[in-house]
C-alpha atoms as a PDB file:
ATOM      1  CA  MET A   1     -17.855 -18.019 -14.520  1.00  0.00           C
ATOM      2  CA  ILE A   2     -14.803 -20.154 -15.317  1.00  0.00           C
ATOM      3  CA  ALA A   3     -14.633 -21.728 -18.753  1.00  0.00           C
ATOM      4  CA  ARG A   4     -14.848 -25.467 -18.945  1.00  0.00           C
ATOM      5  CA  GLY A   5     -11.412 -27.137 -18.607  1.00  0.00           C
ATOM      6  CA  LEU A   6      -9.720 -24.101 -17.016  1.00  0.00           C
ATOM      7  CA  ARG A   7      -8.732 -24.022 -13.421  1.00  0.00           C
ATOM      8  CA  PRO A   8      -9.846 -21.048 -11.198  1.00  0.00           C
ATOM      9  CA  PRO A   9      -7.219 -18.411 -10.379  1.00  0.00           C
ATOM     10  CA  SER A  10      -4.991 -19.101  -7.240  1.00  0.00           C
ATOM     11  CA  GLY A  11      -7.066 -18.601  -4.053  1.00  0.00           C
ATOM     12  CA  MET A  12     -10.448 -18.748  -5.882  1.00  0.00           C
ATOM     13  CA  ARG A  13     -12.928 -21.525  -4.974  1.00  0.00           C
ATOM     14  CA  ASP A  14     -13.770 -23.968  -7.750  1.00  0.00           C
ATOM     15  CA  THR A  15     -17.513 -24.226  -7.506  1.00  0.00           C
ATOM     16  CA  ARG A  16     -18.157 -25.926 -11.048  1.00  0.00           C
ATOM     17  CA  GLY A  17     -20.653 -28.694 -10.706  1.00  0.00           C
ATOM     18  CA  MET A  18     -21.904 -27.606  -7.343  1.00  0.00           C
ATOM     19  CA  PRO A  19     -25.697 -26.884  -6.871  1.00  0.00           C
ATOM     20  CA  GLU A  20     -26.452 -23.274  -6.150  1.00  0.00           C
ATOM     21  CA  SER A  21     -27.378 -24.093  -2.500  1.00  0.00           C
ATOM     22  CA  ARG A  22     -23.642 -25.230  -1.949  1.00  0.00           C
ATOM     23  CA  LYS A  23     -21.940 -22.160  -3.608  1.00  0.00           C
ATOM     24  CA  ARG A  24     -22.213 -19.958  -0.488  1.00  0.00           C
ATOM     25  CA  GLY A  25     -18.450 -20.056   0.092  1.00  0.00           C
ATOM     26  CA  PRO A  26     -16.556 -19.152   3.322  1.00  0.00           C
ATOM     27  CA  SER A  27     -19.339 -18.349   5.711  1.00  0.00           C
ATOM     28  CA  VAL A  28     -18.475 -20.136   9.014  1.00  0.00           C
ATOM     29  CA  ARG A  29     -15.907 -18.608  11.433  1.00  0.00           C
ATOM     30  CA  GLU A  30     -13.978 -21.432  13.064  1.00  0.00           C
ATOM     31  CA  ILE A  31     -10.387 -22.468  13.826  1.00  0.00           C
ATOM     32  CA  PRO A  32      -9.281 -24.823  11.073  1.00  0.00           C
ATOM     33  CA  ASN A  33      -7.282 -27.993  11.900  1.00  0.00           C
ATOM     34  CA  GLY A  34      -3.573 -27.076  12.408  1.00  0.00           C
ATOM     35  CA  ASP A  35      -4.345 -23.409  12.682  1.00  0.00           C
ATOM     36  CA  ASN A  36      -4.510 -21.205  15.879  1.00  0.00           C
ATOM     37  CA  ARG A  37      -7.038 -18.493  15.072  1.00  0.00           C
ATOM     38  CA  GLU A  38     -10.533 -18.111  13.607  1.00  0.00           C
ATOM     39  CA  ARG A  39     -10.869 -18.044   9.831  1.00  0.00           C
ATOM     40  CA  LEU A  40     -13.794 -17.934   7.589  1.00  0.00           C
ATOM     41  CA  VAL A  41     -14.314 -21.518   6.256  1.00  0.00           C
ATOM     42  CA  CYS A  42     -16.670 -22.949   3.593  1.00  0.00           C
ATOM     43  CA  PRO A  43     -18.888 -25.546   5.333  1.00  0.00           C
ATOM     44  CA  ASP A  44     -19.310 -27.483   2.118  1.00  0.00           C
ATOM     45  CA  CYS A  45     -15.778 -27.849   0.635  1.00  0.00           C
ATOM     46  CA  GLY A  46     -13.531 -26.813   3.515  1.00  0.00           C
ATOM     47  CA  PHE A  47     -12.031 -23.823   1.620  1.00  0.00           C
ATOM     48  CA  ILE A  48     -10.323 -21.435   4.072  1.00  0.00           C
ATOM     49  CA  GLN A  49     -10.307 -17.673   3.459  1.00  0.00           C
ATOM     50  CA  TYR A  50      -7.125 -16.147   4.891  1.00  0.00           C
ATOM     51  CA  GLU A  51      -7.275 -12.544   5.621  1.00  0.00           C
ATOM     52  CA  ASN A  52      -3.685 -11.208   5.673  1.00  0.00           C
ATOM     53  CA  PRO A  53      -2.114  -7.678   5.891  1.00  0.00           C
ATOM     54  CA  LYS A  54      -1.928  -5.641   2.747  1.00  0.00           C
ATOM     55  CA  LEU A  55       1.448  -4.460   1.389  1.00  0.00           C
ATOM     56  CA  ILE A  56       1.837  -0.858   0.598  1.00  0.00           C
ATOM     57  CA  VAL A  57       4.708   0.096  -1.626  1.00  0.00           C
ATOM     58  CA  GLY A  58       5.959   3.734  -2.213  1.00  0.00           C
ATOM     59  CA  ALA A  59       9.043   5.905  -2.901  1.00  0.00           C
ATOM     60  CA  VAL A  60      10.440   9.135  -1.772  1.00  0.00           C
ATOM     61  CA  CYS A  61      11.576  10.533  -5.177  1.00  0.00           C
ATOM     62  CA  LEU A  62      14.388  13.050  -5.371  1.00  0.00           C
ATOM     63  CA  TRP A  63      15.400  15.435  -8.164  1.00  0.00           C
ATOM     64  CA  GLU A  64      18.417  17.483  -7.215  1.00  0.00           C
ATOM     65  CA  ASP A  65      17.487  19.224  -3.865  1.00  0.00           C
ATOM     66  CA  ARG A  66      13.707  18.662  -4.339  1.00  0.00           C
ATOM     67  CA  VAL A  67      11.197  15.887  -3.373  1.00  0.00           C
ATOM     68  CA  LEU A  68       8.296  14.770  -5.475  1.00  0.00           C
ATOM     69  CA  LEU A  69       4.990  15.224  -3.761  1.00  0.00           C
ATOM     70  CA  CYS A  70       1.395  14.440  -5.028  1.00  0.00           C
ATOM     71  CA  ARG A  71      -1.845  16.122  -3.848  1.00  0.00           C
ATOM     72  CA  ARG A  72      -4.361  13.324  -3.466  1.00  0.00           C
ATOM     73  CA  ALA A  73      -7.323  13.432  -5.780  1.00  0.00           C
ATOM     74  CA  ILE A  74      -9.000  10.365  -4.193  1.00  0.00           C
ATOM     75  CA  PRO A  75     -10.079   9.465  -0.722  1.00  0.00           C
ATOM     76  CA  PRO A  76      -8.951   8.891   1.837  1.00  0.00           C
ATOM     77  CA  ARG A  77      -7.402  12.254   2.761  1.00  0.00           C
ATOM     78  CA  TYR A  78      -8.500  13.947  -0.438  1.00  0.00           C
ATOM     79  CA  GLY A  79      -6.460  17.114  -1.103  1.00  0.00           C
ATOM     80  CA  TYR A  80      -3.603  16.230   1.291  1.00  0.00           C
ATOM     81  CA  TRP A  81      -0.027  15.747   0.124  1.00  0.00           C
ATOM     82  CA  THR A  82       1.665  12.406  -0.186  1.00  0.00           C
ATOM     83  CA  ILE A  83       4.408  10.479  -1.800  1.00  0.00           C
ATOM     84  CA  PRO A  84       3.703   8.075  -4.594  1.00  0.00           C
ATOM     85  CA  ALA A  85       2.490   4.855  -2.833  1.00  0.00           C
ATOM     86  CA  GLY A  86      -0.199   2.190  -3.043  1.00  0.00           C
ATOM     87  CA  PHE A  87      -1.144  -1.378  -2.911  1.00  0.00           C
ATOM     88  CA  MET A  88       1.326  -3.894  -4.194  1.00  0.00           C
ATOM     89  CA  GLU A  89      -0.037  -5.933  -7.134  1.00  0.00           C
ATOM     90  CA  LEU A  90       0.494  -9.653  -7.847  1.00  0.00           C
ATOM     91  CA  ASN A  91       3.615 -10.771  -9.769  1.00  0.00           C
ATOM     92  CA  GLU A  92       5.756  -7.724  -8.931  1.00  0.00           C
ATOM     93  CA  SER A  93       8.558  -7.111  -6.497  1.00  0.00           C
ATOM     94  CA  THR A  94       8.198  -4.434  -3.835  1.00  0.00           C
ATOM     95  CA  ALA A  95      10.684  -2.207  -5.816  1.00  0.00           C
ATOM     96  CA  ASP A  96       8.835  -2.764  -9.049  1.00  0.00           C
ATOM     97  CA  GLY A  97       5.539  -1.925  -7.344  1.00  0.00           C
ATOM     98  CA  ALA A  98       7.084   1.443  -5.928  1.00  0.00           C
ATOM     99  CA  ALA A  99       8.257   2.363  -9.373  1.00  0.00           C
ATOM    100  CA  ARG A 100       4.807   1.624 -10.855  1.00  0.00           C
ATOM    101  CA  GLU A 101       3.029   3.702  -8.222  1.00  0.00           C
ATOM    102  CA  VAL A 102       5.335   6.595  -9.123  1.00  0.00           C
ATOM    103  CA  VAL A 103       4.202   6.398 -12.718  1.00  0.00           C
ATOM    104  CA  GLU A 104       0.482   5.931 -11.787  1.00  0.00           C
ATOM    105  CA  GLU A 105       0.469   8.836  -9.381  1.00  0.00           C
ATOM    106  CA  SER A 106       2.843  11.424 -11.019  1.00  0.00           C
ATOM    107  CA  ARG A 107       3.770  10.279 -14.527  1.00  0.00           C
ATOM    108  CA  ALA A 108       7.470  10.455 -13.471  1.00  0.00           C
ATOM    109  CA  LYS A 109      10.033   7.759 -14.078  1.00  0.00           C
ATOM    110  CA  VAL A 110      12.472   6.656 -11.428  1.00  0.00           C
ATOM    111  CA  ALA A 111      15.441   4.482 -10.609  1.00  0.00           C
ATOM    112  CA  ILE A 112      14.785   2.822  -7.199  1.00  0.00           C
ATOM    113  CA  GLU A 113      17.937   3.155  -5.154  1.00  0.00           C
ATOM    114  CA  ASP A 114      17.567   1.697  -1.712  1.00  0.00           C
ATOM    115  CA  LEU A 115      15.208   0.703   0.988  1.00  0.00           C
ATOM    116  CA  LEU A 116      14.164   3.455   3.409  1.00  0.00           C
ATOM    117  CA  GLY A 117      12.396   1.066   5.757  1.00  0.00           C
ATOM    118  CA  LEU A 118       9.062  -0.600   6.824  1.00  0.00           C
ATOM    119  CA  PHE A 119       6.190   1.081   8.619  1.00  0.00           C
ATOM    120  CA  GLU A 120       3.786  -1.224  10.173  1.00  0.00           C
ATOM    121  CA  ILE A 121       0.197  -0.322  10.956  1.00  0.00           C
ATOM    122  CA  PRO A 122      -1.105  -3.566  12.645  1.00  0.00           C
ATOM    123  CA  TRP A 123      -4.593  -2.345  13.569  1.00  0.00           C
ATOM    124  CA  ILE A 124      -5.541  -1.855   9.968  1.00  0.00           C
ATOM    125  CA  GLY A 125      -3.563  -4.704   8.497  1.00  0.00           C
ATOM    126  CA  GLN A 126      -1.077  -2.705   6.404  1.00  0.00           C
ATOM    127  CA  VAL A 127       2.808  -2.912   6.034  1.00  0.00           C
ATOM    128  CA  CYS A 128       4.360  -0.108   4.105  1.00  0.00           C
ATOM    129  CA  VAL A 129       7.587  -0.639   2.256  1.00  0.00           C
ATOM    130  CA  PHE A 130       9.210   2.650   1.309  1.00  0.00           C
ATOM    131  CA  TYR A 131      12.230   3.143  -0.995  1.00  0.00           C
ATOM    132  CA  ARG A 132      14.477   6.131  -1.960  1.00  0.00           C
ATOM    133  CA  ALA A 133      14.344   6.759  -5.626  1.00  0.00           C
ATOM    134  CA  ARG A 134      16.214   9.069  -8.165  1.00  0.00           C
ATOM    135  CA  LEU A 135      13.908  10.779 -10.695  1.00  0.00           C
ATOM    136  CA  LEU A 136      15.320  10.170 -14.249  1.00  0.00           C
ATOM    137  CA  GLY A 137      14.178  13.676 -15.219  1.00  0.00           C
ATOM    138  CA  PRO A 138      12.085  16.499 -13.774  1.00  0.00           C
ATOM    139  CA  GLU A 139       8.994  15.605 -15.961  1.00  0.00           C
ATOM    140  CA  CYS A 140       5.924  14.950 -13.891  1.00  0.00           C
ATOM    141  CA  GLY A 141       2.165  15.850 -13.789  1.00  0.00           C
ATOM    142  CA  PRO A 142      -1.213  15.204 -12.445  1.00  0.00           C
ATOM    143  CA  THR A 143      -2.978  11.861 -12.901  1.00  0.00           C
ATOM    144  CA  GLY A 144      -6.431  10.494 -11.945  1.00  0.00           C
ATOM    145  CA  GLU A 145      -5.067   9.908  -8.475  1.00  0.00           C
ATOM    146  CA  SER A 146      -3.171  13.165  -8.088  1.00  0.00           C
ATOM    147  CA  SER A 147      -4.753  16.587  -8.675  1.00  0.00           C
ATOM    148  CA  GLU A 148      -1.329  18.290  -8.417  1.00  0.00           C
ATOM    149  CA  VAL A 149       2.261  17.055  -8.604  1.00  0.00           C
ATOM    150  CA  ALA A 150       5.222  19.157  -7.560  1.00  0.00           C
ATOM    151  CA  LEU A 151       8.958  19.028  -6.984  1.00  0.00           C
ATOM    152  CA  VAL A 152       9.305  20.758  -3.613  1.00  0.00           C
ATOM    153  CA  PRO A 153      12.458  21.939  -1.824  1.00  0.00           C
ATOM    154  CA  TRP A 154      12.846  20.257   1.421  1.00  0.00           C
ATOM    155  CA  GLY A 155      12.355  23.654   3.253  1.00  0.00           C
ATOM    156  CA  GLU A 156       8.988  23.954   1.652  1.00  0.00           C
ATOM    157  CA  VAL A 157       7.487  20.430   2.438  1.00  0.00           C
ATOM    158  CA  PRO A 158       3.968  21.085   3.778  1.00  0.00           C
ATOM    159  CA  TRP A 159       4.546  18.942   6.885  1.00  0.00           C
ATOM    160  CA  ASP A 160       1.157  19.871   8.348  1.00  0.00           C
ATOM    161  CA  GLY A 161      -0.586  19.018   5.182  1.00  0.00           C
ATOM    162  CA  LEU A 162       0.702  15.467   4.660  1.00  0.00           C
ATOM    163  CA  ALA A 163      -1.853  12.782   4.216  1.00  0.00           C
ATOM    164  CA  PHE A 164      -0.564  10.113   6.707  1.00  0.00           C
ATOM    165  CA  PRO A 165       1.939   9.515   9.398  1.00  0.00           C
ATOM    166  CA  SER A 166       3.611   7.043   7.246  1.00  0.00           C
ATOM    167  CA  VAL A 167       4.288   9.651   4.574  1.00  0.00           C
ATOM    168  CA  ARG A 168       5.921  11.992   7.262  1.00  0.00           C
ATOM    169  CA  TRP A 169       8.051   9.093   8.537  1.00  0.00           C
ATOM    170  CA  ALA A 170       9.338   8.153   5.065  1.00  0.00           C
ATOM    171  CA  LEU A 171      10.162  11.715   4.109  1.00  0.00           C
ATOM    172  CA  GLU A 172      12.036  12.149   7.536  1.00  0.00           C
ATOM    173  CA  ARG A 173      13.979   8.923   6.984  1.00  0.00           C
ATOM    174  CA  CYS A 174      14.963  10.003   3.547  1.00  0.00           C
ATOM    175  CA  ARG A 175      16.092  13.522   4.676  1.00  0.00           C
ATOM    176  CA  GLU A 176      18.087  11.969   7.643  1.00  0.00           C
ATOM    177  CA  GLY A 177      19.751   9.336   5.505  1.00  0.00           C
ATOM    178  CA  GLY A 178      21.419   6.328   7.083  1.00  0.00           C
ATOM    179  CA  GLN A 179      20.381   2.654   7.073  1.00  0.00           C
ATOM    180  CA  ALA A 180      16.850   1.390   6.485  1.00  0.00           C
ATOM    181  CA  ARG A 181      14.647   1.465   9.649  1.00  0.00           C
ATOM    182  CA  PHE A 182      11.627  -0.279  10.942  1.00  0.00           C
ATOM    183  CA  HIS A 183       8.714   1.329  12.780  1.00  0.00           C
ATOM    184  CA  VAL A 184       5.440   0.070  14.304  1.00  0.00           C
ATOM    185  CA  ALA A 185       2.805   2.787  14.553  1.00  0.00           C
ATOM    186  CA  ARG A 186       0.935   3.066  17.730  1.00  0.00           C
ATOM    187  CA  LYS A 187      -2.911   2.867  17.547  1.00  0.00           C
ATOM    188  CA  PRO A 188      -4.577   6.241  18.038  1.00  0.00           C
ATOM    189  CA  ALA A 189      -6.405   6.645  21.304  1.00  0.00           C
ATOM    190  CA  GLU A 190     -10.194   6.012  21.220  1.00  0.00           C
ATOM    191  CA  GLY A 191     -11.976   9.036  19.808  1.00  0.00           C
ATOM    192  CA  SER A 192      -8.825  10.535  18.290  1.00  0.00           C
ATOM    193  CA  PRO A 193      -8.440  11.369  14.514  1.00  0.00           C
ATOM    194  CA  PRO A 194      -7.311   8.251  12.649  1.00  0.00           C
ATOM    195  CA  PHE A 195      -4.283  10.047  11.102  1.00  0.00           C
ATOM    196  CA  THR A 196      -2.560  11.659  14.059  1.00  0.00           C
ATOM    197  CA  GLU A 197       1.196  11.520  14.405  1.00  0.00           C
ATOM    198  CA  ASP A 198       2.812   9.012  16.676  1.00  0.00           C
END
């Protein structure tokens, strides 16, 4: 419920004053005027619900000759290792989001240094933005999202125990160095596990 005199948040339909029978929202799939693809549209007010890709932000965090890894305490890929990464929030830059995710998943503090690259996963609507970051100290620890957090030498990275292909890609880009890169993941073959390497 939105208080009287206040506007609804951006992207939220204003249904104040509408009878209940008209508050159904975007429920008809059609191509809106001036568009080129089907969208969910409200038949009563014309509100269009745009479904756009999600931005994932993360960082490969370095301390001396070690990399920060987190063991996932949440699905998907519970128990597998990852770098700190997650969905970008409103009102933050991609770099700020990556730094926030580091704190949320490892309690570590970082300075974002440079862009490693973009890893696109079109069939699930995700674009991953990965940075290289310098840990401001070796202090880190488990959180509600990570059951274990470790500073791991490159030679001991559990490559076969990584949660997602995007994590492997980001770690490899960081280890190799060089300029930012861009990668579009291939969709796994029908019946293949969803997290195979490409």
